[in-house]
Amino acid sequence: MKRSIRMNPSDNVTTALANLDAGETIQVVSASQEPLEQLKALQPISFGHKIALNKIEKGSNIVKYGEVIGIATQSIEKGNHVHVHNVESARIQMPKAVRERKG
């Protein structure tokens, strides 16, 4: 089974450790490689990209490494891809062309 990693217990995203197909079930592990839960990827997700660990409402913080890295620009369902198309960076302003790009 493919895996993803949740770096901090307060994170609401996990990072894919392989390319994932839509509908594929993955094992979420902690930074110390402890199995945490299984999660179904609802969309194709590339290696290194983020996946929602639970439903994230529009306007909510995206948390990775225990730090706010962005704000959800739309509601994101558990298992969906979390990337520039549905997150506004908390650190830099991304160009509109990048924000509107899919994947």
PDB file of N, CA and C in Angstrom:
ATOM      1  N   MET A   1       0.844  -1.181   0.000  1.00  0.00           N
ATOM      2  CA  MET A   1       0.000   0.000   0.000  1.00  0.00           C
ATOM      3  C   MET A   1       0.889   1.245   0.000  1.00  0.00           C
ATOM      4  N   LYS A   2       0.543   2.207  -0.834  1.00  0.00           N
ATOM      5  CA  LYS A   2       1.290   3.466  -0.878  1.00  0.00           C
ATOM      6  C   LYS A   2       1.033   4.257   0.400  1.00  0.00           C
ATOM      7  N   ARG A   3       1.936   5.208   0.671  1.00  0.00           N
ATOM      8  CA  ARG A   3       1.853   5.939   1.927  1.00  0.00           C
ATOM      9  C   ARG A   3       1.881   7.451   1.713  1.00  0.00           C
ATOM     10  N   SER A   4       1.470   8.135   2.761  1.00  0.00           N
ATOM     11  CA  SER A   4       1.643   9.581   2.869  1.00  0.00           C
ATOM     12  C   SER A   4       2.139   9.857   4.278  1.00  0.00           C
ATOM     13  N   ILE A   5       2.680  11.054   4.482  1.00  0.00           N
ATOM     14  CA  ILE A   5       3.253  11.375   5.791  1.00  0.00           C
ATOM     15  C   ILE A   5       2.628  12.644   6.365  1.00  0.00           C
ATOM     16  N   ARG A   6       2.191  12.540   7.621  1.00  0.00           N
ATOM     17  CA  ARG A   6       1.721  13.705   8.385  1.00  0.00           C
ATOM     18  C   ARG A   6       2.877  14.104   9.294  1.00  0.00           C
ATOM     19  N   MET A   7       3.417  15.277   9.079  1.00  0.00           N
ATOM     20  CA  MET A   7       4.642  15.682   9.764  1.00  0.00           C
ATOM     21  C   MET A   7       4.434  16.074  11.223  1.00  0.00           C
ATOM     22  N   ASN A   8       3.261  16.593  11.561  1.00  0.00           N
ATOM     23  CA  ASN A   8       2.995  17.091  12.909  1.00  0.00           C
ATOM     24  C   ASN A   8       1.573  16.690  13.294  1.00  0.00           C
ATOM     25  N   PRO A   9       1.336  16.310  14.545  1.00  0.00           N
ATOM     26  CA  PRO A   9      -0.013  15.897  14.949  1.00  0.00           C
ATOM     27  C   PRO A   9      -1.097  16.954  14.719  1.00  0.00           C
ATOM     28  N   SER A  10      -0.729  18.237  14.652  1.00  0.00           N
ATOM     29  CA  SER A  10      -1.735  19.279  14.429  1.00  0.00           C
ATOM     30  C   SER A  10      -2.017  19.538  12.951  1.00  0.00           C
ATOM     31  N   ASP A  11      -1.296  18.874  12.047  1.00  0.00           N
ATOM     32  CA  ASP A  11      -1.489  19.075  10.605  1.00  0.00           C
ATOM     33  C   ASP A  11      -2.873  18.605  10.160  1.00  0.00           C
ATOM     34  N   ASN A  12      -3.460  19.336   9.208  1.00  0.00           N
ATOM     35  CA  ASN A  12      -4.710  18.878   8.594  1.00  0.00           C
ATOM     36  C   ASN A  12      -4.491  18.427   7.155  1.00  0.00           C
ATOM     37  N   VAL A  13      -3.221  18.286   6.767  1.00  0.00           N
ATOM     38  CA  VAL A  13      -2.855  17.722   5.467  1.00  0.00           C
ATOM     39  C   VAL A  13      -1.760  16.681   5.668  1.00  0.00           C
ATOM     40  N   THR A  14      -1.670  15.786   4.703  1.00  0.00           N
ATOM     41  CA  THR A  14      -0.622  14.775   4.665  1.00  0.00           C
ATOM     42  C   THR A  14       0.027  14.869   3.287  1.00  0.00           C
ATOM     43  N   THR A  15       1.263  14.459   3.162  1.00  0.00           N
ATOM     44  CA  THR A  15       2.007  14.591   1.910  1.00  0.00           C
ATOM     45  C   THR A  15       2.174  13.231   1.244  1.00  0.00           C
ATOM     46  N   ALA A  16       1.780  13.141  -0.025  1.00  0.00           N
ATOM     47  CA  ALA A  16       1.880  11.883  -0.775  1.00  0.00           C
ATOM     48  C   ALA A  16       3.340  11.488  -0.962  1.00  0.00           C
ATOM     49  N   LEU A  17       3.647  10.230  -0.670  1.00  0.00           N
ATOM     50  CA  LEU A  17       5.002   9.705  -0.847  1.00  0.00           C
ATOM     51  C   LEU A  17       5.135   8.894  -2.134  1.00  0.00           C
ATOM     52  N   ALA A  18       4.115   8.979  -2.982  1.00  0.00           N
ATOM     53  CA  ALA A  18       4.108   8.338  -4.306  1.00  0.00           C
ATOM     54  C   ALA A  18       3.009   9.004  -5.117  1.00  0.00           C
ATOM     55  N   ASN A  19       3.024   8.824  -6.422  1.00  0.00           N
ATOM     56  CA  ASN A  19       1.911   9.277  -7.246  1.00  0.00           C
ATOM     57  C   ASN A  19       0.694   8.427  -6.914  1.00  0.00           C
ATOM     58  N   LEU A  20      -0.468   9.070  -6.748  1.00  0.00           N
ATOM     59  CA  LEU A  20      -1.684   8.369  -6.350  1.00  0.00           C
ATOM     60  C   LEU A  20      -2.756   8.498  -7.417  1.00  0.00           C
ATOM     61  N   ASP A  21      -3.492   7.420  -7.624  1.00  0.00           N
ATOM     62  CA  ASP A  21      -4.644   7.424  -8.519  1.00  0.00           C
ATOM     63  C   ASP A  21      -5.894   7.774  -7.728  1.00  0.00           C
ATOM     64  N   ALA A  22      -6.890   8.346  -8.391  1.00  0.00           N
ATOM     65  CA  ALA A  22      -8.179   8.593  -7.751  1.00  0.00           C
ATOM     66  C   ALA A  22      -8.756   7.264  -7.284  1.00  0.00           C
ATOM     67  N   GLY A  23      -9.256   7.231  -6.055  1.00  0.00           N
ATOM     68  CA  GLY A  23      -9.843   6.024  -5.497  1.00  0.00           C
ATOM     69  C   GLY A  23      -8.862   5.119  -4.784  1.00  0.00           C
ATOM     70  N   GLU A  24      -7.583   5.435  -4.853  1.00  0.00           N
ATOM     71  CA  GLU A  24      -6.559   4.603  -4.218  1.00  0.00           C
ATOM     72  C   GLU A  24      -6.528   4.853  -2.707  1.00  0.00           C
ATOM     73  N   THR A  25      -6.478   3.777  -1.933  1.00  0.00           N
ATOM     74  CA  THR A  25      -6.371   3.879  -0.484  1.00  0.00           C
ATOM     75  C   THR A  25      -4.901   3.870  -0.096  1.00  0.00           C
ATOM     76  N   ILE A  26      -4.542   4.785   0.788  1.00  0.00           N
ATOM     77  CA  ILE A  26      -3.152   4.921   1.222  1.00  0.00           C
ATOM     78  C   ILE A  26      -3.065   4.806   2.741  1.00  0.00           C
ATOM     79  N   GLN A  27      -1.876   4.506   3.220  1.00  0.00           N
ATOM     80  CA  GLN A  27      -1.593   4.482   4.656  1.00  0.00           C
ATOM     81  C   GLN A  27      -0.949   5.807   5.043  1.00  0.00           C
ATOM     82  N   VAL A  28      -1.566   6.522   5.964  1.00  0.00           N
ATOM     83  CA  VAL A  28      -0.979   7.748   6.497  1.00  0.00           C
ATOM     84  C   VAL A  28      -0.073   7.350   7.657  1.00  0.00           C
ATOM     85  N   VAL A  29       1.167   7.840   7.626  1.00  0.00           N
ATOM     86  CA  VAL A  29       2.113   7.554   8.704  1.00  0.00           C
ATOM     87  C   VAL A  29       2.581   8.864   9.329  1.00  0.00           C
ATOM     88  N   SER A  30       3.069   8.759  10.561  1.00  0.00           N
ATOM     89  CA  SER A  30       3.626   9.917  11.260  1.00  0.00           C
ATOM     90  C   SER A  30       5.059  10.161  10.790  1.00  0.00           C
ATOM     91  N   ALA A  31       5.643  11.248  11.253  1.00  0.00           N
ATOM     92  CA  ALA A  31       7.035  11.555  10.917  1.00  0.00           C
ATOM     93  C   ALA A  31       7.984  10.472  11.412  1.00  0.00           C
ATOM     94  N   SER A  32       7.562   9.707  12.431  1.00  0.00           N
ATOM     95  CA  SER A  32       8.378   8.595  12.936  1.00  0.00           C
ATOM     96  C   SER A  32       7.971   7.263  12.306  1.00  0.00           C
ATOM     97  N   GLN A  33       7.174   7.332  11.226  1.00  0.00           N
ATOM     98  CA  GLN A  33       6.738   6.173  10.429  1.00  0.00           C
ATOM     99  C   GLN A  33       5.685   5.303  11.122  1.00  0.00           C
ATOM    100  N   GLU A  34       5.064   5.808  12.191  1.00  0.00           N
ATOM    101  CA  GLU A  34       3.993   5.086  12.875  1.00  0.00           C
ATOM    102  C   GLU A  34       2.717   5.160  12.036  1.00  0.00           C
ATOM    103  N   PRO A  35       2.059   4.017  11.753  1.00  0.00           N
ATOM    104  CA  PRO A  35       0.794   4.054  11.015  1.00  0.00           C
ATOM    105  C   PRO A  35      -0.268   4.819  11.809  1.00  0.00           C
ATOM    106  N   LEU A  36      -0.974   5.726  11.139  1.00  0.00           N
ATOM    107  CA  LEU A  36      -1.987   6.544  11.802  1.00  0.00           C
ATOM    108  C   LEU A  36      -3.400   6.207  11.356  1.00  0.00           C
ATOM    109  N   GLU A  37      -3.617   6.127  10.055  1.00  0.00           N
ATOM    110  CA  GLU A  37      -4.941   5.841   9.505  1.00  0.00           C
ATOM    111  C   GLU A  37      -4.801   5.526   8.027  1.00  0.00           C
ATOM    112  N   GLN A  38      -5.877   4.995   7.461  1.00  0.00           N
ATOM    113  CA  GLN A  38      -5.939   4.825   6.016  1.00  0.00           C
ATOM    114  C   GLN A  38      -6.838   5.917   5.456  1.00  0.00           C
ATOM    115  N   LEU A  39      -6.536   6.338   4.247  1.00  0.00           N
ATOM    116  CA  LEU A  39      -7.223   7.452   3.616  1.00  0.00           C
ATOM    117  C   LEU A  39      -7.374   7.151   2.132  1.00  0.00           C
ATOM    118  N   LYS A  40      -8.532   7.485   1.570  1.00  0.00           N
ATOM    119  CA  LYS A  40      -8.754   7.292   0.136  1.00  0.00           C
ATOM    120  C   LYS A  40      -8.512   8.609  -0.597  1.00  0.00           C
ATOM    121  N   ALA A  41      -7.625   8.574  -1.587  1.00  0.00           N
ATOM    122  CA  ALA A  41      -7.383   9.740  -2.442  1.00  0.00           C
ATOM    123  C   ALA A  41      -8.573   9.880  -3.384  1.00  0.00           C
ATOM    124  N   LEU A  42      -9.233  11.020  -3.379  1.00  0.00           N
ATOM    125  CA  LEU A  42     -10.412  11.222  -4.213  1.00  0.00           C
ATOM    126  C   LEU A  42     -10.075  11.732  -5.605  1.00  0.00           C
ATOM    127  N   GLN A  43      -8.833  12.159  -5.793  1.00  0.00           N
ATOM    128  CA  GLN A  43      -8.365  12.683  -7.076  1.00  0.00           C
ATOM    129  C   GLN A  43      -6.962  12.146  -7.323  1.00  0.00           C
ATOM    130  N   PRO A  44      -6.485  12.175  -8.555  1.00  0.00           N
ATOM    131  CA  PRO A  44      -5.067  11.852  -8.772  1.00  0.00           C
ATOM    132  C   PRO A  44      -4.218  12.886  -8.033  1.00  0.00           C
ATOM    133  N   ILE A  45      -3.201  12.426  -7.331  1.00  0.00           N
ATOM    134  CA  ILE A  45      -2.349  13.323  -6.547  1.00  0.00           C
ATOM    135  C   ILE A  45      -0.895  12.943  -6.801  1.00  0.00           C
ATOM    136  N   SER A  46      -0.098  13.917  -7.167  1.00  0.00           N
ATOM    137  CA  SER A  46       1.313  13.683  -7.482  1.00  0.00           C
ATOM    138  C   SER A  46       2.154  13.545  -6.219  1.00  0.00           C
ATOM    139  N   PHE A  47       3.253  12.812  -6.357  1.00  0.00           N
ATOM    140  CA  PHE A  47       4.240  12.682  -5.287  1.00  0.00           C
ATOM    141  C   PHE A  47       4.594  14.061  -4.737  1.00  0.00           C
ATOM    142  N   GLY A  48       4.615  14.183  -3.423  1.00  0.00           N
ATOM    143  CA  GLY A  48       5.006  15.435  -2.786  1.00  0.00           C
ATOM    144  C   GLY A  48       3.887  16.434  -2.594  1.00  0.00           C
ATOM    145  N   HIS A  49       2.706  16.152  -3.156  1.00  0.00           N
ATOM    146  CA  HIS A  49       1.585  17.074  -3.007  1.00  0.00           C
ATOM    147  C   HIS A  49       0.770  16.718  -1.768  1.00  0.00           C
ATOM    148  N   LYS A  50      -0.035  17.667  -1.321  1.00  0.00           N
ATOM    149  CA  LYS A  50      -0.787  17.519  -0.080  1.00  0.00           C
ATOM    150  C   LYS A  50      -2.186  16.952  -0.322  1.00  0.00           C
ATOM    151  N   ILE A  51      -2.686  16.241   0.717  1.00  0.00           N
ATOM    152  CA  ILE A  51      -4.013  15.633   0.715  1.00  0.00           C
ATOM    153  C   ILE A  51      -4.709  16.061   2.001  1.00  0.00           C
ATOM    154  N   ALA A  52      -5.983  16.435   1.910  1.00  0.00           N
ATOM    155  CA  ALA A  52      -6.742  16.827   3.099  1.00  0.00           C
ATOM    156  C   ALA A  52      -7.005  15.612   3.987  1.00  0.00           C
ATOM    157  N   LEU A  53      -6.684  15.741   5.273  1.00  0.00           N
ATOM    158  CA  LEU A  53      -6.922  14.668   6.241  1.00  0.00           C
ATOM    159  C   LEU A  53      -8.349  14.686   6.775  1.00  0.00           C
ATOM    160  N   ASN A  54      -9.021  15.806   6.606  1.00  0.00           N
ATOM    161  CA  ASN A  54     -10.419  15.945   6.993  1.00  0.00           C
ATOM    162  C   ASN A  54     -11.009  17.049   6.137  1.00  0.00           C
ATOM    163  N   LYS A  55     -12.304  17.268   6.249  1.00  0.00           N
ATOM    164  CA  LYS A  55     -12.901  18.351   5.469  1.00  0.00           C
ATOM    165  C   LYS A  55     -12.349  19.678   5.981  1.00  0.00           C
ATOM    166  N   ILE A  56     -11.917  20.510   5.048  1.00  0.00           N
ATOM    167  CA  ILE A  56     -11.380  21.827   5.373  1.00  0.00           C
ATOM    168  C   ILE A  56     -12.328  22.854   4.759  1.00  0.00           C
ATOM    169  N   GLU A  57     -12.948  23.648   5.598  1.00  0.00           N
ATOM    170  CA  GLU A  57     -13.914  24.640   5.123  1.00  0.00           C
ATOM    171  C   GLU A  57     -13.215  25.829   4.469  1.00  0.00           C
ATOM    172  N   LYS A  58     -13.908  26.463   3.534  1.00  0.00           N
ATOM    173  CA  LYS A  58     -13.397  27.679   2.900  1.00  0.00           C
ATOM    174  C   LYS A  58     -13.040  28.688   3.987  1.00  0.00           C
ATOM    175  N   GLY A  59     -11.870  29.301   3.871  1.00  0.00           N
ATOM    176  CA  GLY A  59     -11.411  30.290   4.836  1.00  0.00           C
ATOM    177  C   GLY A  59     -10.639  29.707   6.004  1.00  0.00           C
ATOM    178  N   SER A  60     -10.587  28.374   6.094  1.00  0.00           N
ATOM    179  CA  SER A  60      -9.865  27.720   7.194  1.00  0.00           C
ATOM    180  C   SER A  60      -8.373  27.647   6.896  1.00  0.00           C
ATOM    181  N   ASN A  61      -7.598  27.552   7.956  1.00  0.00           N
ATOM    182  CA  ASN A  61      -6.150  27.417   7.826  1.00  0.00           C
ATOM    183  C   ASN A  61      -5.765  26.051   7.274  1.00  0.00           C
ATOM    184  N   ILE A  62      -4.727  26.035   6.443  1.00  0.00           N
ATOM    185  CA  ILE A  62      -4.068  24.802   6.014  1.00  0.00           C
ATOM    186  C   ILE A  62      -2.819  24.706   6.884  1.00  0.00           C
ATOM    187  N   VAL A  63      -2.689  23.585   7.610  1.00  0.00           N
ATOM    188  CA  VAL A  63      -1.607  23.433   8.578  1.00  0.00           C
ATOM    189  C   VAL A  63      -0.711  22.266   8.176  1.00  0.00           C
ATOM    190  N   LYS A  64       0.594  22.546   8.036  1.00  0.00           N
ATOM    191  CA  LYS A  64       1.606  21.531   7.742  1.00  0.00           C
ATOM    192  C   LYS A  64       2.834  21.852   8.590  1.00  0.00           C
ATOM    193  N   TYR A  65       3.498  20.852   9.113  1.00  0.00           N
ATOM    194  CA  TYR A  65       4.629  21.033  10.036  1.00  0.00           C
ATOM    195  C   TYR A  65       4.194  21.794  11.294  1.00  0.00           C
ATOM    196  N   GLY A  66       2.883  21.762  11.609  1.00  0.00           N
ATOM    197  CA  GLY A  66       2.372  22.482  12.767  1.00  0.00           C
ATOM    198  C   GLY A  66       2.252  23.980  12.553  1.00  0.00           C
ATOM    199  N   GLU A  67       2.455  24.442  11.320  1.00  0.00           N
ATOM    200  CA  GLU A  67       2.420  25.866  10.980  1.00  0.00           C
ATOM    201  C   GLU A  67       1.347  26.133   9.935  1.00  0.00           C
ATOM    202  N   VAL A  68       0.724  27.301  10.013  1.00  0.00           N
ATOM    203  CA  VAL A  68      -0.235  27.706   8.985  1.00  0.00           C
ATOM    204  C   VAL A  68       0.553  28.043   7.724  1.00  0.00           C
ATOM    205  N   ILE A  69       0.257  27.316   6.639  1.00  0.00           N
ATOM    206  CA  ILE A  69       0.955  27.573   5.374  1.00  0.00           C
ATOM    207  C   ILE A  69       0.043  28.222   4.343  1.00  0.00           C
ATOM    208  N   GLY A  70      -1.272  28.240   4.618  1.00  0.00           N
ATOM    209  CA  GLY A  70      -2.198  28.831   3.671  1.00  0.00           C
ATOM    210  C   GLY A  70      -3.612  28.860   4.206  1.00  0.00           C
ATOM    211  N   ILE A  71      -4.506  29.397   3.367  1.00  0.00           N
ATOM    212  CA  ILE A  71      -5.924  29.511   3.680  1.00  0.00           C
ATOM    213  C   ILE A  71      -6.697  28.853   2.540  1.00  0.00           C
ATOM    214  N   ALA A  72      -7.670  28.015   2.880  1.00  0.00           N
ATOM    215  CA  ALA A  72      -8.489  27.353   1.857  1.00  0.00           C
ATOM    216  C   ALA A  72      -9.348  28.388   1.135  1.00  0.00           C
ATOM    217  N   THR A  73      -9.275  28.415  -0.195  1.00  0.00           N
ATOM    218  CA  THR A  73     -10.075  29.347  -0.991  1.00  0.00           C
ATOM    219  C   THR A  73     -11.419  28.749  -1.378  1.00  0.00           C
ATOM    220  N   GLN A  74     -11.598  27.473  -1.053  1.00  0.00           N
ATOM    221  CA  GLN A  74     -12.862  26.766  -1.258  1.00  0.00           C
ATOM    222  C   GLN A  74     -12.886  25.604  -0.275  1.00  0.00           C
ATOM    223  N   SER A  75     -14.058  25.030  -0.048  1.00  0.00           N
ATOM    224  CA  SER A  75     -14.127  23.850   0.812  1.00  0.00           C
ATOM    225  C   SER A  75     -13.376  22.707   0.144  1.00  0.00           C
ATOM    226  N   ILE A  76     -12.641  21.940   0.946  1.00  0.00           N
ATOM    227  CA  ILE A  76     -11.831  20.831   0.439  1.00  0.00           C
ATOM    228  C   ILE A  76     -12.256  19.578   1.195  1.00  0.00           C
ATOM    229  N   GLU A  77     -12.747  18.582   0.481  1.00  0.00           N
ATOM    230  CA  GLU A  77     -13.195  17.343   1.106  1.00  0.00           C
ATOM    231  C   GLU A  77     -12.015  16.487   1.546  1.00  0.00           C
ATOM    232  N   LYS A  78     -12.223  15.690   2.574  1.00  0.00           N
ATOM    233  CA  LYS A  78     -11.220  14.727   3.029  1.00  0.00           C
ATOM    234  C   LYS A  78     -10.800  13.860   1.847  1.00  0.00           C
ATOM    235  N   GLY A  79      -9.501  13.725   1.624  1.00  0.00           N
ATOM    236  CA  GLY A  79      -8.981  12.914   0.529  1.00  0.00           C
ATOM    237  C   GLY A  79      -8.721  13.680  -0.754  1.00  0.00           C
ATOM    238  N   ASN A  80      -9.100  14.958  -0.799  1.00  0.00           N
ATOM    239  CA  ASN A  80      -8.871  15.760  -2.001  1.00  0.00           C
ATOM    240  C   ASN A  80      -7.480  16.388  -2.009  1.00  0.00           C
ATOM    241  N   HIS A  81      -7.044  16.713  -3.207  1.00  0.00           N
ATOM    242  CA  HIS A  81      -5.770  17.373  -3.465  1.00  0.00           C
ATOM    243  C   HIS A  81      -5.807  18.777  -2.863  1.00  0.00           C
ATOM    244  N   VAL A  82      -4.776  19.149  -2.146  1.00  0.00           N
ATOM    245  CA  VAL A  82      -4.641  20.481  -1.550  1.00  0.00           C
ATOM    246  C   VAL A  82      -3.433  21.128  -2.216  1.00  0.00           C
ATOM    247  N   HIS A  83      -3.703  22.174  -3.022  1.00  0.00           N
ATOM    248  CA  HIS A  83      -2.624  22.782  -3.808  1.00  0.00           C
ATOM    249  C   HIS A  83      -3.022  24.211  -4.164  1.00  0.00           C
ATOM    250  N   VAL A  84      -2.301  24.850  -5.053  1.00  0.00           N
ATOM    251  CA  VAL A  84      -2.521  26.263  -5.373  1.00  0.00           C
ATOM    252  C   VAL A  84      -3.906  26.551  -5.952  1.00  0.00           C
ATOM    253  N   HIS A  85      -4.597  25.542  -6.482  1.00  0.00           N
ATOM    254  CA  HIS A  85      -5.921  25.770  -7.053  1.00  0.00           C
ATOM    255  C   HIS A  85      -6.996  25.941  -5.980  1.00  0.00           C
ATOM    256  N   ASN A  86      -6.703  25.540  -4.721  1.00  0.00           N
ATOM    257  CA  ASN A  86      -7.698  25.684  -3.657  1.00  0.00           C
ATOM    258  C   ASN A  86      -7.103  26.238  -2.355  1.00  0.00           C
ATOM    259  N   VAL A  87      -5.894  26.775  -2.435  1.00  0.00           N
ATOM    260  CA  VAL A  87      -5.218  27.348  -1.265  1.00  0.00           C
ATOM    261  C   VAL A  87      -4.543  28.661  -1.656  1.00  0.00           C
ATOM    262  N   GLU A  88      -4.690  29.655  -0.789  1.00  0.00           N
ATOM    263  CA  GLU A  88      -3.940  30.901  -0.933  1.00  0.00           C
ATOM    264  C   GLU A  88      -2.800  30.856   0.072  1.00  0.00           C
ATOM    265  N   SER A  89      -1.620  31.116  -0.371  1.00  0.00           N
ATOM    266  CA  SER A  89      -0.450  31.060   0.503  1.00  0.00           C
ATOM    267  C   SER A  89      -0.570  32.051   1.651  1.00  0.00           C
ATOM    268  N   ALA A  90      -0.125  31.640   2.826  1.00  0.00           N
ATOM    269  CA  ALA A  90      -0.072  32.539   3.980  1.00  0.00           C
ATOM    270  C   ALA A  90       1.217  33.354   3.963  1.00  0.00           C
ATOM    271  N   ARG A  91       2.117  33.026   3.049  1.00  0.00           N
ATOM    272  CA  ARG A  91       3.436  33.667   3.050  1.00  0.00           C
ATOM    273  C   ARG A  91       3.695  34.557   1.838  1.00  0.00           C
ATOM    274  N   ILE A  92       3.215  34.149   0.659  1.00  0.00           N
ATOM    275  CA  ILE A  92       3.464  34.936  -0.554  1.00  0.00           C
ATOM    276  C   ILE A  92       2.198  35.016  -1.391  1.00  0.00           C
ATOM    277  N   GLN A  93       2.089  36.047  -2.204  1.00  0.00           N
ATOM    278  CA  GLN A  93       0.964  36.189  -3.120  1.00  0.00           C
ATOM    279  C   GLN A  93       1.314  35.480  -4.428  1.00  0.00           C
ATOM    280  N   MET A  94       0.568  34.433  -4.761  1.00  0.00           N
ATOM    281  CA  MET A  94       0.816  33.688  -5.994  1.00  0.00           C
ATOM    282  C   MET A  94       0.158  34.409  -7.169  1.00  0.00           C
ATOM    283  N   PRO A  95       0.797  34.438  -8.332  1.00  0.00           N
ATOM    284  CA  PRO A  95       0.189  35.031  -9.519  1.00  0.00           C
ATOM    285  C   PRO A  95      -1.111  34.316  -9.886  1.00  0.00           C
ATOM    286  N   LYS A  96      -2.068  35.060 -10.428  1.00  0.00           N
ATOM    287  CA  LYS A  96      -3.368  34.506 -10.786  1.00  0.00           C
ATOM    288  C   LYS A  96      -3.228  33.303 -11.715  1.00  0.00           C
ATOM    289  N   ALA A  97      -2.336  33.343 -12.678  1.00  0.00           N
ATOM    290  CA  ALA A  97      -2.158  32.229 -13.624  1.00  0.00           C
ATOM    291  C   ALA A  97      -1.759  30.949 -12.896  1.00  0.00           C
ATOM    292  N   VAL A  98      -0.983  31.059 -11.838  1.00  0.00           N
ATOM    293  CA  VAL A  98      -0.579  29.887 -11.057  1.00  0.00           C
ATOM    294  C   VAL A  98      -1.748  29.388 -10.227  1.00  0.00           C
ATOM    295  N   ARG A  99      -2.477  30.311  -9.575  1.00  0.00           N
ATOM    296  CA  ARG A  99      -3.613  29.919  -8.733  1.00  0.00           C
ATOM    297  C   ARG A  99      -4.683  29.192  -9.526  1.00  0.00           C
ATOM    298  N   GLU A 100      -4.894  29.577 -10.787  1.00  0.00           N
ATOM    299  CA  GLU A 100      -5.970  29.001 -11.587  1.00  0.00           C
ATOM    300  C   GLU A 100      -5.563  27.741 -12.332  1.00  0.00           C
ATOM    301  N   ARG A 101      -4.299  27.394 -12.307  1.00  0.00           N
ATOM    302  CA  ARG A 101      -3.811  26.188 -12.975  1.00  0.00           C
ATOM    303  C   ARG A 101      -4.306  24.960 -12.225  1.00  0.00           C
ATOM    304  N   LYS A 102      -4.727  23.944 -12.923  1.00  0.00           N
ATOM    305  CA  LYS A 102      -5.192  22.693 -12.319  1.00  0.00           C
ATOM    306  C   LYS A 102      -4.000  21.807 -12.017  1.00  0.00           C
ATOM    307  N   GLY A 103      -4.014  21.181 -10.783  1.00  0.00           N
ATOM    308  CA  GLY A 103      -2.974  20.216 -10.414  1.00  0.00           C
ATOM    309  C   GLY A 103      -1.715  20.871 -10.062  1.00  0.00           C
TER     310      GLY A 103
END
